[in-house]
Full PDB file with SEQRES, HELIX, SHEET, SSBOND, CRYST1, ORIGX, SCALE, CONECT and MASTER records, all heavy atoms in Angstrom:
SEQRES   1 A   42  LYS GLN ARG ILE GLN GLU CYS THR VAL ALA ASP VAL LYS          
SEQRES   2 A   42  ALA ARG LEU ASP ARG GLY GLU PRO MET HIS PHE LEU ASP          
SEQRES   3 A   42  VAL ARG GLU ASP HIS GLU PHE ALA LYS ASP HIS ALA LYS          
SEQRES   4 A   42  GLY ALA ARG                                                  
HELIX    1 AA1 VAL A    9  ARG A   18  1                                  10    
HELIX    2 AA2 ASP A   30  LYS A   35  1                                   6    
CRYST1    1.000    1.000    1.000  90.00  90.00  90.00 P 1           1          
ORIGX1      1.000000  0.000000  0.000000        0.00000                         
ORIGX2      0.000000  1.000000  0.000000        0.00000                         
ORIGX3      0.000000  0.000000  1.000000        0.00000                         
SCALE1      1.000000  0.000000  0.000000        0.00000                         
SCALE2      0.000000  1.000000  0.000000        0.00000                         
SCALE3      0.000000  0.000000  1.000000        0.00000                         
ATOM      1  N   LYS A   1       0.813  -1.216   0.000  1.00  0.00           N  
ATOM      2  CA  LYS A   1       0.000   0.000   0.000  1.00  0.00           C  
ATOM      3  C   LYS A   1       0.848   1.268   0.000  1.00  0.00           C  
ATOM      4  O   LYS A   1       0.390   2.323  -0.433  1.00  0.00           O  
ATOM      5  CB  LYS A   1      -0.967   0.008   1.186  1.00  0.00           C  
ATOM      6  CG  LYS A   1      -2.139  -0.937   0.983  1.00  0.00           C  
ATOM      7  CD  LYS A   1      -3.130  -0.830   2.124  1.00  0.00           C  
ATOM      8  CE  LYS A   1      -4.349  -1.684   1.866  1.00  0.00           C  
ATOM      9  NZ  LYS A   1      -5.423  -1.402   2.832  1.00  0.00           N  
ATOM     10  N   GLN A   2       2.085   1.173   0.454  1.00  0.00           N  
ATOM     11  CA  GLN A   2       2.977   2.331   0.422  1.00  0.00           C  
ATOM     12  C   GLN A   2       3.485   2.601  -0.991  1.00  0.00           C  
ATOM     13  O   GLN A   2       3.990   3.686  -1.273  1.00  0.00           O  
ATOM     14  CB  GLN A   2       4.162   2.109   1.365  1.00  0.00           C  
ATOM     15  CG  GLN A   2       3.758   2.081   2.814  1.00  0.00           C  
ATOM     16  CD  GLN A   2       4.896   1.683   3.737  1.00  0.00           C  
ATOM     17  OE1 GLN A   2       6.053   1.648   3.338  1.00  0.00           O  
ATOM     18  NE2 GLN A   2       4.561   1.366   4.976  1.00  0.00           N  
ATOM     19  N   ARG A   3       3.354   1.613  -1.883  1.00  0.00           N  
ATOM     20  CA  ARG A   3       3.907   1.740  -3.235  1.00  0.00           C  
ATOM     21  C   ARG A   3       2.843   1.842  -4.324  1.00  0.00           C  
ATOM     22  O   ARG A   3       3.177   1.910  -5.502  1.00  0.00           O  
ATOM     23  CB  ARG A   3       4.810   0.534  -3.518  1.00  0.00           C  
ATOM     24  CG  ARG A   3       6.050   0.500  -2.628  1.00  0.00           C  
ATOM     25  CD  ARG A   3       7.002  -0.597  -3.035  1.00  0.00           C  
ATOM     26  NE  ARG A   3       6.545  -1.928  -2.699  1.00  0.00           N  
ATOM     27  CZ  ARG A   3       6.816  -2.569  -1.562  1.00  0.00           C  
ATOM     28  NH1 ARG A   3       7.543  -1.985  -0.641  1.00  0.00           N  
ATOM     29  NH2 ARG A   3       6.374  -3.786  -1.356  1.00  0.00           N  
ATOM     30  N   ILE A   4       1.577   1.837  -3.928  1.00  0.00           N  
ATOM     31  CA  ILE A   4       0.496   1.875  -4.918  1.00  0.00           C  
ATOM     32  C   ILE A   4      -0.424   3.058  -4.652  1.00  0.00           C  
ATOM     33  O   ILE A   4      -0.315   3.713  -3.628  1.00  0.00           O  
ATOM     34  CB  ILE A   4      -0.338   0.571  -4.890  1.00  0.00           C  
ATOM     35  CG1 ILE A   4      -1.052   0.435  -3.541  1.00  0.00           C  
ATOM     36  CG2 ILE A   4       0.530  -0.637  -5.222  1.00  0.00           C  
ATOM     37  CD1 ILE A   4      -2.232  -0.489  -3.553  1.00  0.00           C  
ATOM     38  N   GLN A   5      -1.346   3.273  -5.591  1.00  0.00           N  
ATOM     39  CA  GLN A   5      -2.402   4.268  -5.398  1.00  0.00           C  
ATOM     40  C   GLN A   5      -3.658   3.557  -4.913  1.00  0.00           C  
ATOM     41  O   GLN A   5      -3.957   2.447  -5.366  1.00  0.00           O  
ATOM     42  CB  GLN A   5      -2.751   4.938  -6.719  1.00  0.00           C  
ATOM     43  CG  GLN A   5      -1.714   5.860  -7.270  1.00  0.00           C  
ATOM     44  CD  GLN A   5      -2.254   6.502  -8.539  1.00  0.00           C  
ATOM     45  OE1 GLN A   5      -3.257   7.208  -8.507  1.00  0.00           O  
ATOM     46  NE2 GLN A   5      -1.596   6.228  -9.644  1.00  0.00           N  
ATOM     47  N   GLU A   6      -4.386   4.206  -4.029  1.00  0.00           N  
ATOM     48  CA  GLU A   6      -5.692   3.707  -3.613  1.00  0.00           C  
ATOM     49  C   GLU A   6      -6.713   4.815  -3.834  1.00  0.00           C  
ATOM     50  O   GLU A   6      -6.375   5.987  -3.888  1.00  0.00           O  
ATOM     51  CB  GLU A   6      -5.693   3.329  -2.127  1.00  0.00           C  
ATOM     52  CG  GLU A   6      -4.987   2.040  -1.817  1.00  0.00           C  
ATOM     53  CD  GLU A   6      -5.193   1.632  -0.367  1.00  0.00           C  
ATOM     54  OE1 GLU A   6      -4.695   2.347   0.529  1.00  0.00           O  
ATOM     55  OE2 GLU A   6      -5.851   0.608  -0.138  1.00  0.00           O  
ATOM     56  N   CYS A   7      -7.969   4.409  -3.956  1.00  0.00           N  
ATOM     57  CA  CYS A   7      -9.058   5.374  -4.044  1.00  0.00           C  
ATOM     58  C   CYS A   7     -10.239   4.809  -3.263  1.00  0.00           C  
ATOM     59  O   CYS A   7     -10.252   3.647  -2.888  1.00  0.00           O  
ATOM     60  CB  CYS A   7      -9.435   5.643  -5.493  1.00  0.00           C  
ATOM     61  SG  CYS A   7     -10.193   4.238  -6.323  1.00  0.00           S  
ATOM     62  N   THR A   8     -11.233   5.650  -3.054  1.00  0.00           N  
ATOM     63  CA  THR A   8     -12.420   5.220  -2.323  1.00  0.00           C  
ATOM     64  C   THR A   8     -13.462   4.654  -3.285  1.00  0.00           C  
ATOM     65  O   THR A   8     -13.385   4.874  -4.498  1.00  0.00           O  
ATOM     66  CB  THR A   8     -13.050   6.398  -1.561  1.00  0.00           C  
ATOM     67  OG1 THR A   8     -13.571   7.326  -2.521  1.00  0.00           O  
ATOM     68  CG2 THR A   8     -12.049   7.073  -0.638  1.00  0.00           C  
ATOM     69  N   VAL A   9     -14.447   3.972  -2.740  1.00  0.00           N  
ATOM     70  CA  VAL A   9     -15.547   3.474  -3.568  1.00  0.00           C  
ATOM     71  C   VAL A   9     -16.311   4.647  -4.191  1.00  0.00           C  
ATOM     72  O   VAL A   9     -16.769   4.550  -5.328  1.00  0.00           O  
ATOM     73  CB  VAL A   9     -16.495   2.535  -2.789  1.00  0.00           C  
ATOM     74  CG1 VAL A   9     -15.770   1.264  -2.371  1.00  0.00           C  
ATOM     75  CG2 VAL A   9     -17.121   3.215  -1.592  1.00  0.00           C  
ATOM     76  N   ALA A  10     -16.417   5.755  -3.476  1.00  0.00           N  
ATOM     77  CA  ALA A  10     -17.099   6.938  -4.016  1.00  0.00           C  
ATOM     78  C   ALA A  10     -16.351   7.483  -5.234  1.00  0.00           C  
ATOM     79  O   ALA A  10     -16.974   7.914  -6.210  1.00  0.00           O  
ATOM     80  CB  ALA A  10     -17.236   8.011  -2.941  1.00  0.00           C  
ATOM     81  N   ASP A  11     -15.014   7.442  -5.183  1.00  0.00           N  
ATOM     82  CA  ASP A  11     -14.214   7.874  -6.338  1.00  0.00           C  
ATOM     83  C   ASP A  11     -14.518   7.004  -7.552  1.00  0.00           C  
ATOM     84  O   ASP A  11     -14.698   7.509  -8.663  1.00  0.00           O  
ATOM     85  CB  ASP A  11     -12.712   7.777  -6.043  1.00  0.00           C  
ATOM     86  CG  ASP A  11     -12.228   8.746  -4.986  1.00  0.00           C  
ATOM     87  OD1 ASP A  11     -12.846   9.818  -4.814  1.00  0.00           O  
ATOM     88  OD2 ASP A  11     -11.205   8.424  -4.329  1.00  0.00           O  
ATOM     89  N   VAL A  12     -14.570   5.697  -7.335  1.00  0.00           N  
ATOM     90  CA  VAL A  12     -14.828   4.766  -8.442  1.00  0.00           C  
ATOM     91  C   VAL A  12     -16.226   4.987  -9.003  1.00  0.00           C  
ATOM     92  O   VAL A  12     -16.417   5.075 -10.223  1.00  0.00           O  
ATOM     93  CB  VAL A  12     -14.644   3.300  -8.005  1.00  0.00           C  
ATOM     94  CG1 VAL A  12     -14.995   2.353  -9.145  1.00  0.00           C  
ATOM     95  CG2 VAL A  12     -13.221   3.062  -7.520  1.00  0.00           C  
ATOM     96  N   LYS A  13     -17.209   5.099  -8.127  1.00  0.00           N  
ATOM     97  CA  LYS A  13     -18.591   5.306  -8.566  1.00  0.00           C  
ATOM     98  C   LYS A  13     -18.699   6.587  -9.383  1.00  0.00           C  
ATOM     99  O   LYS A  13     -19.357   6.621 -10.436  1.00  0.00           O  
ATOM    100  CB  LYS A  13     -19.521   5.362  -7.351  1.00  0.00           C  
ATOM    101  CG  LYS A  13     -20.983   5.623  -7.675  1.00  0.00           C  
ATOM    102  CD  LYS A  13     -21.653   4.439  -8.321  1.00  0.00           C  
ATOM    103  CE  LYS A  13     -23.154   4.512  -8.354  1.00  0.00           C  
ATOM    104  NZ  LYS A  13     -23.729   5.607  -9.106  1.00  0.00           N  
ATOM    105  N   ALA A  14     -18.035   7.645  -8.949  1.00  0.00           N  
ATOM    106  CA  ALA A  14     -18.069   8.919  -9.677  1.00  0.00           C  
ATOM    107  C   ALA A  14     -17.423   8.764 -11.056  1.00  0.00           C  
ATOM    108  O   ALA A  14     -17.945   9.287 -12.051  1.00  0.00           O  
ATOM    109  CB  ALA A  14     -17.361  10.005  -8.866  1.00  0.00           C  
ATOM    110  N   ARG A  15     -16.330   8.041 -11.144  1.00  0.00           N  
ATOM    111  CA  ARG A  15     -15.669   7.805 -12.440  1.00  0.00           C  
ATOM    112  C   ARG A  15     -16.601   7.033 -13.371  1.00  0.00           C  
ATOM    113  O   ARG A  15     -16.695   7.349 -14.560  1.00  0.00           O  
ATOM    114  CB  ARG A  15     -14.380   7.014 -12.250  1.00  0.00           C  
ATOM    115  CG  ARG A  15     -13.237   7.795 -11.658  1.00  0.00           C  
ATOM    116  CD  ARG A  15     -12.062   6.833 -11.368  1.00  0.00           C  
ATOM    117  NE  ARG A  15     -10.947   7.507 -10.779  1.00  0.00           N  
ATOM    118  CZ  ARG A  15      -9.731   7.568 -11.318  1.00  0.00           C  
ATOM    119  NH1 ARG A  15      -9.491   6.991 -12.476  1.00  0.00           N  
ATOM    120  NH2 ARG A  15      -8.761   8.195 -10.710  1.00  0.00           N  
ATOM    121  N   LEU A  16     -17.251   6.008 -12.829  1.00  0.00           N  
ATOM    122  CA  LEU A  16     -18.186   5.216 -13.635  1.00  0.00           C  
ATOM    123  C   LEU A  16     -19.354   6.083 -14.105  1.00  0.00           C  
ATOM    124  O   LEU A  16     -19.747   6.019 -15.269  1.00  0.00           O  
ATOM    125  CB  LEU A  16     -18.703   4.018 -12.837  1.00  0.00           C  
ATOM    126  CG  LEU A  16     -17.695   2.901 -12.568  1.00  0.00           C  
ATOM    127  CD1 LEU A  16     -18.249   1.920 -11.530  1.00  0.00           C  
ATOM    128  CD2 LEU A  16     -17.323   2.173 -13.854  1.00  0.00           C  
ATOM    129  N   ASP A  17     -19.890   6.888 -13.201  1.00  0.00           N  
ATOM    130  CA  ASP A  17     -21.019   7.758 -13.549  1.00  0.00           C  
ATOM    131  C   ASP A  17     -20.653   8.768 -14.634  1.00  0.00           C  
ATOM    132  O   ASP A  17     -21.495   9.124 -15.459  1.00  0.00           O  
ATOM    133  CB  ASP A  17     -21.537   8.500 -12.309  1.00  0.00           C  
ATOM    134  CG  ASP A  17     -22.270   7.581 -11.341  1.00  0.00           C  
ATOM    135  OD1 ASP A  17     -22.584   6.423 -11.705  1.00  0.00           O  
ATOM    136  OD2 ASP A  17     -22.511   8.020 -10.192  1.00  0.00           O  
ATOM    137  N   ARG A  18     -19.413   9.223 -14.627  1.00  0.00           N  
ATOM    138  CA  ARG A  18     -18.946  10.178 -15.642  1.00  0.00           C  
ATOM    139  C   ARG A  18     -18.572   9.481 -16.946  1.00  0.00           C  
ATOM    140  O   ARG A  18     -18.295  10.150 -17.945  1.00  0.00           O  
ATOM    141  CB  ARG A  18     -17.724  10.949 -15.127  1.00  0.00           C  
ATOM    142  CG  ARG A  18     -18.027  11.964 -14.052  1.00  0.00           C  
ATOM    143  CD  ARG A  18     -16.847  12.876 -13.772  1.00  0.00           C  
ATOM    144  NE  ARG A  18     -15.653  12.177 -13.325  1.00  0.00           N  
ATOM    145  CZ  ARG A  18     -15.308  11.995 -12.049  1.00  0.00           C  
ATOM    146  NH1 ARG A  18     -16.086  12.453 -11.080  1.00  0.00           N  
ATOM    147  NH2 ARG A  18     -14.201  11.370 -11.738  1.00  0.00           N  
ATOM    148  N   GLY A  19     -18.519   8.148 -16.927  1.00  0.00           N  
ATOM    149  CA  GLY A  19     -18.157   7.411 -18.126  1.00  0.00           C  
ATOM    150  C   GLY A  19     -16.674   7.493 -18.464  1.00  0.00           C  
ATOM    151  O   GLY A  19     -16.286   7.381 -19.627  1.00  0.00           O  
ATOM    152  N   GLU A  20     -15.851   7.706 -17.450  1.00  0.00           N  
ATOM    153  CA  GLU A  20     -14.406   7.785 -17.688  1.00  0.00           C  
ATOM    154  C   GLU A  20     -13.897   6.467 -18.257  1.00  0.00           C  
ATOM    155  O   GLU A  20     -14.322   5.389 -17.824  1.00  0.00           O  
ATOM    156  CB  GLU A  20     -13.662   8.095 -16.384  1.00  0.00           C  
ATOM    157  CG  GLU A  20     -13.824   9.505 -15.916  1.00  0.00           C  
ATOM    158  CD  GLU A  20     -12.960   9.829 -14.705  1.00  0.00           C  
ATOM    159  OE1 GLU A  20     -11.954   9.127 -14.454  1.00  0.00           O  
ATOM    160  OE2 GLU A  20     -13.295  10.799 -14.003  1.00  0.00           O  
ATOM    161  N   PRO A  21     -12.967   6.556 -19.201  1.00  0.00           N  
ATOM    162  CA  PRO A  21     -12.392   5.320 -19.740  1.00  0.00           C  
ATOM    163  C   PRO A  21     -11.509   4.648 -18.691  1.00  0.00           C  
ATOM    164  O   PRO A  21     -10.572   5.256 -18.176  1.00  0.00           O  
ATOM    165  CB  PRO A  21     -11.570   5.797 -20.939  1.00  0.00           C  
ATOM    166  CG  PRO A  21     -11.331   7.250 -20.721  1.00  0.00           C  
ATOM    167  CD  PRO A  21     -12.435   7.751 -19.849  1.00  0.00           C  
ATOM    168  N   MET A  22     -11.877   3.431 -18.334  1.00  0.00           N  
ATOM    169  CA  MET A  22     -11.128   2.686 -17.325  1.00  0.00           C  
ATOM    170  C   MET A  22     -11.532   1.222 -17.371  1.00  0.00           C  
ATOM    171  O   MET A  22     -12.573   0.880 -17.924  1.00  0.00           O  
ATOM    172  CB  MET A  22     -11.388   3.242 -15.929  1.00  0.00           C  
ATOM    173  CG  MET A  22     -12.847   3.171 -15.502  1.00  0.00           C  
ATOM    174  SD  MET A  22     -13.112   3.856 -13.872  1.00  0.00           S  
ATOM    175  CE  MET A  22     -13.900   2.488 -13.075  1.00  0.00           C  
ATOM    176  N   HIS A  23     -10.704   0.410 -16.790  1.00  0.00           N  
ATOM    177  CA  HIS A  23     -10.995  -1.012 -16.630  1.00  0.00           C  
ATOM    178  C   HIS A  23     -11.262  -1.234 -15.150  1.00  0.00           C  
ATOM    179  O   HIS A  23     -10.413  -0.909 -14.308  1.00  0.00           O  
ATOM    180  CB  HIS A  23      -9.819  -1.859 -17.103  1.00  0.00           C  
ATOM    181  CG  HIS A  23      -9.496  -1.655 -18.546  1.00  0.00           C  
ATOM    182  ND1 HIS A  23     -10.130  -2.350 -19.547  1.00  0.00           N  
ATOM    183  CD2 HIS A  23      -8.614  -0.822 -19.151  1.00  0.00           C  
ATOM    184  CE1 HIS A  23      -9.648  -1.958 -20.708  1.00  0.00           C  
ATOM    185  NE2 HIS A  23      -8.732  -1.029 -20.499  1.00  0.00           N  
ATOM    186  N   PHE A  24     -12.417  -1.785 -14.838  1.00  0.00           N  
ATOM    187  CA  PHE A  24     -12.845  -2.025 -13.455  1.00  0.00           C  
ATOM    188  C   PHE A  24     -12.817  -3.533 -13.253  1.00  0.00           C  
ATOM    189  O   PHE A  24     -13.659  -4.250 -13.786  1.00  0.00           O  
ATOM    190  CB  PHE A  24     -14.246  -1.436 -13.286  1.00  0.00           C  
ATOM    191  CG  PHE A  24     -14.780  -1.389 -11.878  1.00  0.00           C  
ATOM    192  CD1 PHE A  24     -13.937  -1.269 -10.783  1.00  0.00           C  
ATOM    193  CD2 PHE A  24     -16.145  -1.443 -11.663  1.00  0.00           C  
ATOM    194  CE1 PHE A  24     -14.452  -1.196  -9.492  1.00  0.00           C  
ATOM    195  CE2 PHE A  24     -16.683  -1.378 -10.386  1.00  0.00           C  
ATOM    196  CZ  PHE A  24     -15.825  -1.255  -9.304  1.00  0.00           C  
ATOM    197  N   LEU A  25     -11.809  -4.007 -12.508  1.00  0.00           N  
ATOM    198  CA  LEU A  25     -11.584  -5.447 -12.392  1.00  0.00           C  
ATOM    199  C   LEU A  25     -11.766  -5.961 -10.978  1.00  0.00           C  
ATOM    200  O   LEU A  25     -11.199  -5.425 -10.021  1.00  0.00           O  
ATOM    201  CB  LEU A  25     -10.160  -5.810 -12.834  1.00  0.00           C  
ATOM    202  CG  LEU A  25      -9.771  -5.552 -14.280  1.00  0.00           C  
ATOM    203  CD1 LEU A  25      -8.345  -6.020 -14.516  1.00  0.00           C  
ATOM    204  CD2 LEU A  25     -10.733  -6.238 -15.228  1.00  0.00           C  
ATOM    205  N   ASP A  26     -12.521  -7.033 -10.871  1.00  0.00           N  
ATOM    206  CA  ASP A  26     -12.709  -7.778  -9.632  1.00  0.00           C  
ATOM    207  C   ASP A  26     -11.664  -8.891  -9.632  1.00  0.00           C  
ATOM    208  O   ASP A  26     -11.648  -9.733 -10.532  1.00  0.00           O  
ATOM    209  CB  ASP A  26     -14.128  -8.362  -9.633  1.00  0.00           C  
ATOM    210  CG  ASP A  26     -14.504  -9.074  -8.351  1.00  0.00           C  
ATOM    211  OD1 ASP A  26     -13.663  -9.817  -7.805  1.00  0.00           O  
ATOM    212  OD2 ASP A  26     -15.659  -8.920  -7.914  1.00  0.00           O  
ATOM    213  N   VAL A  27     -10.788  -8.897  -8.641  1.00  0.00           N  
ATOM    214  CA  VAL A  27      -9.716  -9.899  -8.593  1.00  0.00           C  
ATOM    215  C   VAL A  27      -9.991 -11.011  -7.578  1.00  0.00           C  
ATOM    216  O   VAL A  27      -9.103 -11.785  -7.246  1.00  0.00           O  
ATOM    217  CB  VAL A  27      -8.327  -9.254  -8.334  1.00  0.00           C  
ATOM    218  CG1 VAL A  27      -7.963  -8.295  -9.452  1.00  0.00           C  
ATOM    219  CG2 VAL A  27      -8.267  -8.561  -6.981  1.00  0.00           C  
ATOM    220  N   ARG A  28     -11.249 -11.104  -7.127  1.00  0.00           N  
ATOM    221  CA  ARG A  28     -11.593 -12.157  -6.171  1.00  0.00           C  
ATOM    222  C   ARG A  28     -11.664 -13.510  -6.885  1.00  0.00           C  
ATOM    223  O   ARG A  28     -11.524 -13.613  -8.104  1.00  0.00           O  
ATOM    224  CB  ARG A  28     -12.938 -11.845  -5.501  1.00  0.00           C  
ATOM    225  CG  ARG A  28     -12.909 -10.559  -4.673  1.00  0.00           C  
ATOM    226  CD  ARG A  28     -14.266 -10.215  -4.095  1.00  0.00           C  
ATOM    227  NE  ARG A  28     -15.246 -10.065  -5.167  1.00  0.00           N  
ATOM    228  CZ  ARG A  28     -16.559 -10.265  -5.027  1.00  0.00           C  
ATOM    229  NH1 ARG A  28     -17.061 -10.626  -3.872  1.00  0.00           N  
ATOM    230  NH2 ARG A  28     -17.372 -10.086  -6.049  1.00  0.00           N  
ATOM    231  N   GLU A  29     -11.930 -14.543  -6.112  1.00  0.00           N  
ATOM    232  CA  GLU A  29     -12.072 -15.891  -6.655  1.00  0.00           C  
ATOM    233  C   GLU A  29     -13.345 -15.997  -7.502  1.00  0.00           C  
ATOM    234  O   GLU A  29     -14.275 -15.207  -7.335  1.00  0.00           O  
ATOM    235  CB  GLU A  29     -12.124 -16.916  -5.516  1.00  0.00           C  
ATOM    236  CG  GLU A  29     -10.884 -16.938  -4.636  1.00  0.00           C  
ATOM    237  CD  GLU A  29      -9.652 -17.402  -5.384  1.00  0.00           C  
ATOM    238  OE1 GLU A  29      -9.743 -18.342  -6.209  1.00  0.00           O  
ATOM    239  OE2 GLU A  29      -8.566 -16.827  -5.147  1.00  0.00           O  
ATOM    240  N   ASP A  30     -13.379 -16.984  -8.382  1.00  0.00           N  
ATOM    241  CA  ASP A  30     -14.525 -17.179  -9.280  1.00  0.00           C  
ATOM    242  C   ASP A  30     -15.853 -17.237  -8.527  1.00  0.00           C  
ATOM    243  O   ASP A  30     -16.818 -16.591  -8.923  1.00  0.00           O  
ATOM    244  CB  ASP A  30     -14.363 -18.470 -10.088  1.00  0.00           C  
ATOM    245  CG  ASP A  30     -13.212 -18.407 -11.074  1.00  0.00           C  
ATOM    246  OD1 ASP A  30     -12.628 -17.326 -11.273  1.00  0.00           O  
ATOM    247  OD2 ASP A  30     -12.891 -19.459 -11.654  1.00  0.00           O  
ATOM    248  N   HIS A  31     -15.905 -18.029  -7.444  1.00  0.00           N  
ATOM    249  CA  HIS A  31     -17.172 -18.195  -6.714  1.00  0.00           C  
ATOM    250  C   HIS A  31     -17.606 -16.900  -6.035  1.00  0.00           C  
ATOM    251  O   HIS A  31     -18.804 -16.631  -5.905  1.00  0.00           O  
ATOM    252  CB  HIS A  31     -17.083 -19.346  -5.707  1.00  0.00           C  
ATOM    253  CG  HIS A  31     -16.192 -19.060  -4.534  1.00  0.00           C  
ATOM    254  ND1 HIS A  31     -14.811 -19.223  -4.588  1.00  0.00           N  
ATOM    255  CD2 HIS A  31     -16.471 -18.611  -3.302  1.00  0.00           C  
ATOM    256  CE1 HIS A  31     -14.289 -18.896  -3.417  1.00  0.00           C  
ATOM    257  NE2 HIS A  31     -15.271 -18.510  -2.619  1.00  0.00           N  
ATOM    258  N   GLU A  32     -16.657 -16.066  -5.623  1.00  0.00           N  
ATOM    259  CA  GLU A  32     -17.004 -14.792  -5.014  1.00  0.00           C  
ATOM    260  C   GLU A  32     -17.634 -13.864  -6.064  1.00  0.00           C  
ATOM    261  O   GLU A  32     -18.639 -13.204  -5.796  1.00  0.00           O  
ATOM    262  CB  GLU A  32     -15.756 -14.122  -4.427  1.00  0.00           C  
ATOM    263  CG  GLU A  32     -15.159 -14.847  -3.238  1.00  0.00           C  
ATOM    264  CD  GLU A  32     -13.860 -14.204  -2.800  1.00  0.00           C  
ATOM    265  OE1 GLU A  32     -12.855 -14.315  -3.531  1.00  0.00           O  
ATOM    266  OE2 GLU A  32     -13.865 -13.581  -1.712  1.00  0.00           O  
ATOM    267  N   PHE A  33     -17.030 -13.808  -7.240  1.00  0.00           N  
ATOM    268  CA  PHE A  33     -17.545 -12.963  -8.317  1.00  0.00           C  
ATOM    269  C   PHE A  33     -18.926 -13.429  -8.759  1.00  0.00           C  
ATOM    270  O   PHE A  33     -19.819 -12.611  -8.984  1.00  0.00           O  
ATOM    271  CB  PHE A  33     -16.578 -12.979  -9.511  1.00  0.00           C  
ATOM    272  CG  PHE A  33     -17.008 -12.092 -10.642  1.00  0.00           C  
ATOM    273  CD1 PHE A  33     -16.759 -10.733 -10.613  1.00  0.00           C  
ATOM    274  CD2 PHE A  33     -17.661 -12.609 -11.750  1.00  0.00           C  
ATOM    275  CE1 PHE A  33     -17.147  -9.904 -11.657  1.00  0.00           C  
ATOM    276  CE2 PHE A  33     -18.059 -11.792 -12.805  1.00  0.00           C  
ATOM    277  CZ  PHE A  33     -17.800 -10.433 -12.755  1.00  0.00           C  
ATOM    278  N   ALA A  34     -19.112 -14.748  -8.872  1.00  0.00           N  
ATOM    279  CA  ALA A  34     -20.399 -15.291  -9.315  1.00  0.00           C  
ATOM    280  C   ALA A  34     -21.514 -14.968  -8.324  1.00  0.00           C  
ATOM    281  O   ALA A  34     -22.652 -14.713  -8.727  1.00  0.00           O  
ATOM    282  CB  ALA A  34     -20.294 -16.804  -9.520  1.00  0.00           C  
ATOM    283  N   LYS A  35     -21.187 -14.947  -7.041  1.00  0.00           N  
ATOM    284  CA  LYS A  35     -22.192 -14.645  -6.020  1.00  0.00           C  
ATOM    285  C   LYS A  35     -22.711 -13.220  -6.194  1.00  0.00           C  
ATOM    286  O   LYS A  35     -23.911 -12.988  -6.245  1.00  0.00           O  
ATOM    287  CB  LYS A  35     -21.595 -14.821  -4.626  1.00  0.00           C  
ATOM    288  CG  LYS A  35     -22.569 -14.506  -3.515  1.00  0.00           C  
ATOM    289  CD  LYS A  35     -21.929 -14.637  -2.156  1.00  0.00           C  
ATOM    290  CE  LYS A  35     -22.892 -14.159  -1.092  1.00  0.00           C  
ATOM    291  NZ  LYS A  35     -22.229 -13.951   0.192  1.00  0.00           N  
ATOM    292  N   ASP A  36     -21.799 -12.257  -6.264  1.00  0.00           N  
ATOM    293  CA  ASP A  36     -22.160 -10.874  -6.558  1.00  0.00           C  
ATOM    294  C   ASP A  36     -20.891 -10.072  -6.806  1.00  0.00           C  
ATOM    295  O   ASP A  36     -19.807 -10.447  -6.388  1.00  0.00           O  
ATOM    296  CB  ASP A  36     -23.027 -10.236  -5.474  1.00  0.00           C  
ATOM    297  CG  ASP A  36     -22.318  -9.996  -4.153  1.00  0.00           C  
ATOM    298  OD1 ASP A  36     -21.132 -10.333  -4.016  1.00  0.00           O  
ATOM    299  OD2 ASP A  36     -22.957  -9.456  -3.238  1.00  0.00           O  
ATOM    300  N   HIS A  37     -21.065  -8.977  -7.521  1.00  0.00           N  
ATOM    301  CA  HIS A  37     -19.939  -8.096  -7.838  1.00  0.00           C  
ATOM    302  C   HIS A  37     -20.464  -6.707  -8.165  1.00  0.00           C  
ATOM    303  O   HIS A  37     -21.659  -6.524  -8.397  1.00  0.00           O  
ATOM    304  CB  HIS A  37     -19.101  -8.661  -9.000  1.00  0.00           C  
ATOM    305  CG  HIS A  37     -19.899  -8.981 -10.215  1.00  0.00           C  
ATOM    306  ND1 HIS A  37     -20.497 -10.207 -10.399  1.00  0.00           N  
ATOM    307  CD2 HIS A  37     -20.233  -8.233 -11.293  1.00  0.00           C  
ATOM    308  CE1 HIS A  37     -21.135 -10.202 -11.562  1.00  0.00           C  
ATOM    309  NE2 HIS A  37     -20.999  -9.017 -12.115  1.00  0.00           N  
ATOM    310  N   ALA A  38     -19.562  -5.754  -8.154  1.00  0.00           N  
ATOM    311  CA  ALA A  38     -19.932  -4.380  -8.480  1.00  0.00           C  
ATOM    312  C   ALA A  38     -20.420  -4.319  -9.925  1.00  0.00           C  
ATOM    313  O   ALA A  38     -19.823  -4.932 -10.818  1.00  0.00           O  
ATOM    314  CB  ALA A  38     -18.737  -3.459  -8.284  1.00  0.00           C  
ATOM    315  N   LYS A  39     -21.507  -3.605 -10.130  1.00  0.00           N  
ATOM    316  CA  LYS A  39     -22.062  -3.479 -11.479  1.00  0.00           C  
ATOM    317  C   LYS A  39     -21.015  -2.872 -12.412  1.00  0.00           C  
ATOM    318  O   LYS A  39     -20.401  -1.857 -12.096  1.00  0.00           O  
ATOM    319  CB  LYS A  39     -23.322  -2.610 -11.459  1.00  0.00           C  
ATOM    320  CG  LYS A  39     -23.998  -2.556 -12.799  1.00  0.00           C  
ATOM    321  CD  LYS A  39     -25.305  -1.812 -12.761  1.00  0.00           C  
ATOM    322  CE  LYS A  39     -25.909  -1.849 -14.155  1.00  0.00           C  
ATOM    323  NZ  LYS A  39     -27.151  -1.145 -14.220  1.00  0.00           N  
ATOM    324  N   GLY A  40     -20.834  -3.520 -13.545  1.00  0.00           N  
ATOM    325  CA  GLY A  40     -19.888  -3.034 -14.540  1.00  0.00           C  
ATOM    326  C   GLY A  40     -18.489  -3.599 -14.423  1.00  0.00           C  
ATOM    327  O   GLY A  40     -17.654  -3.361 -15.285  1.00  0.00           O  
ATOM    328  N   ALA A  41     -18.225  -4.338 -13.355  1.00  0.00           N  
ATOM    329  CA  ALA A  41     -16.890  -4.902 -13.171  1.00  0.00           C  
ATOM    330  C   ALA A  41     -16.714  -6.160 -14.018  1.00  0.00           C  
ATOM    331  O   ALA A  41     -17.659  -6.908 -14.248  1.00  0.00           O  
ATOM    332  CB  ALA A  41     -16.650  -5.243 -11.700  1.00  0.00           C  
ATOM    333  N   ARG A  42     -15.496  -6.351 -14.479  1.00  0.00           N  
ATOM    334  CA  ARG A  42     -15.129  -7.595 -15.152  1.00  0.00           C  
ATOM    335  C   ARG A  42     -14.296  -8.415 -14.176  1.00  0.00           C  
ATOM    336  O   ARG A  42     -13.706  -7.878 -13.245  1.00  0.00           O  
ATOM    337  CB  ARG A  42     -14.311  -7.307 -16.415  1.00  0.00           C  
ATOM    338  CG  ARG A  42     -15.164  -6.664 -17.493  1.00  0.00           C  
ATOM    339  CD  ARG A  42     -14.434  -6.579 -18.806  1.00  0.00           C  
ATOM    340  NE  ARG A  42     -13.288  -5.683 -18.684  1.00  0.00           N  
ATOM    341  CZ  ARG A  42     -12.368  -5.529 -19.622  1.00  0.00           C  
ATOM    342  NH1 ARG A  42     -12.418  -6.210 -20.733  1.00  0.00           N  
ATOM    343  NH2 ARG A  42     -11.372  -4.678 -19.446  1.00  0.00           N  
TER     344      ARG A  42                                                      
MASTER        0    0    0    2    0    0    0    6  343    1    0    4          
END                                                                             
């Protein structure tokens, strides 16, 4: 975390709402993603 950037969920939601070009990736396990995930995430 000292070497990366972080943002809040509100930041991500605002970017999505504005239609900013970005890749929104869920890196959880397959079964976690299948259960539920953030709308629009791959």
